[in-house]
C-alpha atoms as a PDB file:
ATOM      1  CA  MET A   1      23.212   9.016 -40.262  1.00  0.00           C
ATOM      2  CA  GLY A   2      20.223  10.928 -39.358  1.00  0.00           C
ATOM      3  CA  GLN A   3      19.069   8.559 -36.578  1.00  0.00           C
ATOM      4  CA  ALA A   4      22.436   8.692 -34.901  1.00  0.00           C
ATOM      5  CA  ASN A   5      21.918  12.374 -34.573  1.00  0.00           C
ATOM      6  CA  ALA A   6      18.292  12.062 -33.508  1.00  0.00           C
ATOM      7  CA  ALA A   7      17.066  13.942 -36.617  1.00  0.00           C
ATOM      8  CA  ARG A   8      13.288  13.713 -37.021  1.00  0.00           C
ATOM      9  CA  ASP A   9      10.507  15.230 -39.115  1.00  0.00           C
ATOM     10  CA  SER A  10       8.344  15.686 -35.966  1.00  0.00           C
ATOM     11  CA  LEU A  11       8.737  15.733 -32.234  1.00  0.00           C
ATOM     12  CA  PHE A  12       8.285  12.499 -30.191  1.00  0.00           C
ATOM     13  CA  ASP A  13       7.065  14.068 -26.949  1.00  0.00           C
ATOM     14  CA  LEU A  14       6.010  11.759 -24.067  1.00  0.00           C
ATOM     15  CA  ARG A  15       6.560  14.294 -21.367  1.00  0.00           C
ATOM     16  CA  GLU A  16       4.481  13.608 -18.325  1.00  0.00           C
ATOM     17  CA  CYS A  17       2.836  10.793 -19.991  1.00  0.00           C
ATOM     18  CA  GLU A  18       1.635   7.526 -18.099  1.00  0.00           C
ATOM     19  CA  LEU A  19       3.305   4.687 -20.010  1.00  0.00           C
ATOM     20  CA  SER A  20       4.360   2.094 -17.273  1.00  0.00           C
ATOM     21  CA  LYS A  21       4.987  -1.518 -18.510  1.00  0.00           C
ATOM     22  CA  MET A  22       5.042  -0.461 -22.124  1.00  0.00           C
ATOM     23  CA  ASN A  23       7.168  -2.425 -24.767  1.00  0.00           C
ATOM     24  CA  PHE A  24       9.342  -0.174 -26.769  1.00  0.00           C
ATOM     25  CA  SER A  25      11.744  -2.977 -27.596  1.00  0.00           C
ATOM     26  CA  GLY A  26      13.434  -2.725 -31.051  1.00  0.00           C
ATOM     27  CA  TYR A  27      12.046   0.749 -31.949  1.00  0.00           C
ATOM     28  CA  ASP A  28      13.969   3.849 -32.957  1.00  0.00           C
ATOM     29  CA  ILE A  29      12.895   6.519 -30.517  1.00  0.00           C
ATOM     30  CA  ALA A  30      15.956   8.647 -30.894  1.00  0.00           C
ATOM     31  CA  GLY A  31      15.463  12.129 -29.691  1.00  0.00           C
ATOM     32  CA  VAL A  32      12.498  11.270 -27.610  1.00  0.00           C
ATOM     33  CA  ILE A  33      11.400  13.752 -24.837  1.00  0.00           C
ATOM     34  CA  MET A  34      10.387  11.736 -21.765  1.00  0.00           C
ATOM     35  CA  GLU A  35      10.668  14.385 -19.142  1.00  0.00           C
ATOM     36  CA  ASN A  36       8.686  13.414 -16.024  1.00  0.00           C
ATOM     37  CA  ALA A  37       7.023  10.493 -17.742  1.00  0.00           C
ATOM     38  CA  ASN A  38       6.207   7.324 -16.001  1.00  0.00           C
ATOM     39  CA  LEU A  39       7.833   4.462 -17.938  1.00  0.00           C
ATOM     40  CA  SER A  40       8.342   2.166 -14.847  1.00  0.00           C
ATOM     41  CA  GLY A  41       8.753  -1.437 -15.815  1.00  0.00           C
ATOM     42  CA  SER A  42       8.757  -0.730 -19.521  1.00  0.00           C
ATOM     43  CA  LEU A  43      10.966  -2.733 -22.023  1.00  0.00           C
ATOM     44  CA  PHE A  44      13.601  -0.803 -24.145  1.00  0.00           C
ATOM     45  CA  LYS A  45      15.485  -3.933 -25.316  1.00  0.00           C
ATOM     46  CA  ASP A  46      17.446  -3.262 -28.541  1.00  0.00           C
ATOM     47  CA  THR A  47      16.007   0.075 -28.633  1.00  0.00           C
ATOM     48  CA  ILE A  48      17.596   3.089 -30.318  1.00  0.00           C
ATOM     49  CA  MET A  49      17.163   6.225 -28.113  1.00  0.00           C
ATOM     50  CA  SER A  50      20.123   8.350 -28.893  1.00  0.00           C
ATOM     51  CA  LYS A  51      19.872  11.961 -27.494  1.00  0.00           C
ATOM     52  CA  ALA A  52      16.707  11.218 -25.578  1.00  0.00           C
ATOM     53  CA  TRP A  53      15.796  13.678 -22.781  1.00  0.00           C
ATOM     54  CA  ALA A  54      14.537  11.679 -19.760  1.00  0.00           C
ATOM     55  CA  VAL A  55      15.076  14.376 -16.954  1.00  0.00           C
ATOM     56  CA  GLY A  56      13.028  13.198 -14.035  1.00  0.00           C
ATOM     57  CA  ALA A  57      11.406  10.369 -15.696  1.00  0.00           C
ATOM     58  CA  ASN A  58      10.328   7.237 -13.536  1.00  0.00           C
ATOM     59  CA  LEU A  59      12.235   4.401 -15.173  1.00  0.00           C
ATOM     60  CA  LYS A  60      12.072   2.011 -12.266  1.00  0.00           C
ATOM     61  CA  GLY A  61      12.707  -1.595 -13.252  1.00  0.00           C
ATOM     62  CA  ALA A  62      12.985  -0.557 -17.044  1.00  0.00           C
ATOM     63  CA  ASP A  63      15.030  -2.978 -19.164  1.00  0.00           C
ATOM     64  CA  PHE A  64      17.442  -1.288 -21.507  1.00  0.00           C
ATOM     65  CA  SER A  65      19.506  -4.445 -22.437  1.00  0.00           C
ATOM     66  CA  ASN A  66      21.317  -4.120 -25.862  1.00  0.00           C
ATOM     67  CA  ALA A  67      19.899  -0.448 -26.133  1.00  0.00           C
ATOM     68  CA  ILE A  68      21.636   2.376 -27.879  1.00  0.00           C
ATOM     69  CA  ALA A  69      21.166   5.016 -25.243  1.00  0.00           C
ATOM     70  CA  ASP A  70      24.065   7.334 -26.057  1.00  0.00           C
ATOM     71  CA  ARG A  71      24.043  11.002 -25.170  1.00  0.00           C
ATOM     72  CA  VAL A  72      20.724  10.549 -23.179  1.00  0.00           C
ATOM     73  CA  VAL A  73      20.201  12.885 -20.290  1.00  0.00           C
ATOM     74  CA  PHE A  74      18.856  10.726 -17.325  1.00  0.00           C
ATOM     75  CA  ASN A  75      19.414  13.475 -14.835  1.00  0.00           C
ATOM     76  CA  LYS A  76      16.980  13.264 -11.782  1.00  0.00           C
ATOM     77  CA  ALA A  77      15.546  10.144 -13.251  1.00  0.00           C
ATOM     78  CA  ASP A  78      14.440   7.160 -11.040  1.00  0.00           C
ATOM     79  CA  LEU A  79      16.299   4.259 -12.454  1.00  0.00           C
ATOM     80  CA  GLU A  80      16.072   1.809  -9.442  1.00  0.00           C
ATOM     81  CA  GLY A  81      16.186  -1.742 -10.378  1.00  0.00           C
ATOM     82  CA  ALA A  82      16.780  -0.784 -14.182  1.00  0.00           C
ATOM     83  CA  ILE A  83      18.843  -3.123 -16.337  1.00  0.00           C
ATOM     84  CA  PHE A  84      21.420  -1.656 -18.862  1.00  0.00           C
ATOM     85  CA  THR A  85      23.089  -4.987 -19.733  1.00  0.00           C
ATOM     86  CA  ASN A  86      25.350  -4.649 -22.929  1.00  0.00           C
ATOM     87  CA  ALA A  87      23.811  -1.157 -23.546  1.00  0.00           C
ATOM     88  CA  VAL A  88      25.745   1.792 -25.139  1.00  0.00           C
ATOM     89  CA  LEU A  89      25.659   4.679 -22.826  1.00  0.00           C
ATOM     90  CA  SER A  90      28.434   6.797 -24.132  1.00  0.00           C
ATOM     91  CA  GLU A  91      28.278  10.504 -22.986  1.00  0.00           C
ATOM     92  CA  SER A  92      24.899   9.830 -21.219  1.00  0.00           C
ATOM     93  CA  SER A  93      24.261  11.954 -18.058  1.00  0.00           C
ATOM     94  CA  PHE A  94      23.069  10.441 -14.842  1.00  0.00           C
ATOM     95  CA  LYS A  95      23.350  13.533 -12.457  1.00  0.00           C
ATOM     96  CA  ASP A  96      21.215  13.254  -9.375  1.00  0.00           C
ATOM     97  CA  ALA A  97      19.709  10.064 -10.768  1.00  0.00           C
ATOM     98  CA  ASN A  98      18.636   7.165  -8.492  1.00  0.00           C
ATOM     99  CA  LEU A  99      20.717   4.256  -9.582  1.00  0.00           C
ATOM    100  CA  LYS A 100      20.099   2.101  -6.554  1.00  0.00           C
ATOM    101  CA  ASP A 101      19.944  -1.729  -7.653  1.00  0.00           C
ATOM    102  CA  THR A 102      20.603  -0.846 -11.311  1.00  0.00           C
ATOM    103  CA  ASP A 103      22.649  -3.361 -13.518  1.00  0.00           C
ATOM    104  CA  PHE A 104      25.253  -2.041 -15.774  1.00  0.00           C
ATOM    105  CA  SER A 105      26.942  -5.222 -16.837  1.00  0.00           C
ATOM    106  CA  ASP A 106      29.012  -4.942 -19.953  1.00  0.00           C
ATOM    107  CA  VAL A 107      27.840  -1.447 -20.818  1.00  0.00           C
ATOM    108  CA  TYR A 108      29.785   0.866 -23.121  1.00  0.00           C
ATOM    109  CA  ILE A 109      30.090   4.257 -21.396  1.00  0.00           C
ATOM    110  CA  GLY A 110      33.108   6.478 -21.987  1.00  0.00           C
ATOM    111  CA  ASP A 111      35.900   7.121 -19.271  1.00  0.00           C
ATOM    112  CA  PHE A 112      34.716  10.732 -18.516  1.00  0.00           C
ATOM    113  CA  ALA A 113      30.965   9.591 -18.038  1.00  0.00           C
ATOM    114  CA  LEU A 114      32.196   6.608 -16.022  1.00  0.00           C
ATOM    115  CA  ARG A 115      34.096   8.951 -13.681  1.00  0.00           C
ATOM    116  CA  ASN A 116      31.032  11.039 -13.076  1.00  0.00           C
ATOM    117  CA  ILE A 117      28.626   8.328 -12.592  1.00  0.00           C
ATOM    118  CA  CYS A 118      30.881   6.473 -10.141  1.00  0.00           C
ATOM    119  CA  LYS A 119      30.387   9.667  -7.868  1.00  0.00           C
ATOM    120  CA  ASN A 120      26.728   9.003  -7.480  1.00  0.00           C
ATOM    121  CA  PRO A 121      25.907   8.024  -3.826  1.00  0.00           C
ATOM    122  CA  THR A 122      22.909   6.004  -4.898  1.00  0.00           C
ATOM    123  CA  LEU A 123      25.106   3.542  -6.919  1.00  0.00           C
ATOM    124  CA  ARG A 124      24.755   0.679  -4.556  1.00  0.00           C
ATOM    125  CA  GLY A 125      22.644  -2.479  -4.050  1.00  0.00           C
ATOM    126  CA  GLU A 126      21.932  -5.504  -6.196  1.00  0.00           C
ATOM    127  CA  ASN A 127      19.665  -5.714  -9.219  1.00  0.00           C
ATOM    128  CA  PRO A 128      16.484  -7.807  -7.980  1.00  0.00           C
ATOM    129  CA  THR A 129      16.224  -9.423 -11.557  1.00  0.00           C
ATOM    130  CA  THR A 130      19.790 -10.309 -12.572  1.00  0.00           C
ATOM    131  CA  GLY A 131      21.288 -10.494  -9.168  1.00  0.00           C
ATOM    132  CA  ASN A 132      24.355  -8.401 -10.228  1.00  0.00           C
ATOM    133  CA  PRO A 133      25.783  -5.810  -7.733  1.00  0.00           C
ATOM    134  CA  THR A 134      25.374  -2.278  -8.990  1.00  0.00           C
ATOM    135  CA  ARG A 135      28.744  -0.594  -8.394  1.00  0.00           C
ATOM    136  CA  GLU A 136      30.672  -3.710  -9.541  1.00  0.00           C
ATOM    137  CA  SER A 137      28.566  -4.134 -12.641  1.00  0.00           C
ATOM    138  CA  LEU A 138      29.649  -0.626 -13.717  1.00  0.00           C
ATOM    139  CA  GLY A 139      33.341  -1.312 -12.785  1.00  0.00           C
ATOM    140  CA  CYS A 140      33.587   1.490 -10.283  1.00  0.00           C
END
């Protein structure tokens, strides 16, 4: 139950780190702090990252397929071209995030969060990797 609540013995702090094109696939990084980090092109497939803090992070082209990314704060993050296929995003926040060309196919995101994310003016385009249209993939 601890990992679902992001309980940790130590802090996983990646603030302002340069970690582009890294592979975090399959890891449990719940509670990670990624504020203003460059994680562009990184892989987060099957990653558990509940309660992560990713404010202002560069996550351009990152792949979150099948990730557990619930209660993550993606506010002001650059998620252009990111892939969230089949990810769990319940109660995650995307306020002022760049969502251009992002693929949200088959995500689980609660109704309240969905209403908020559908208001994002950058929710447009088509993902360059999957070819899925952004707004339609989210169901807005």
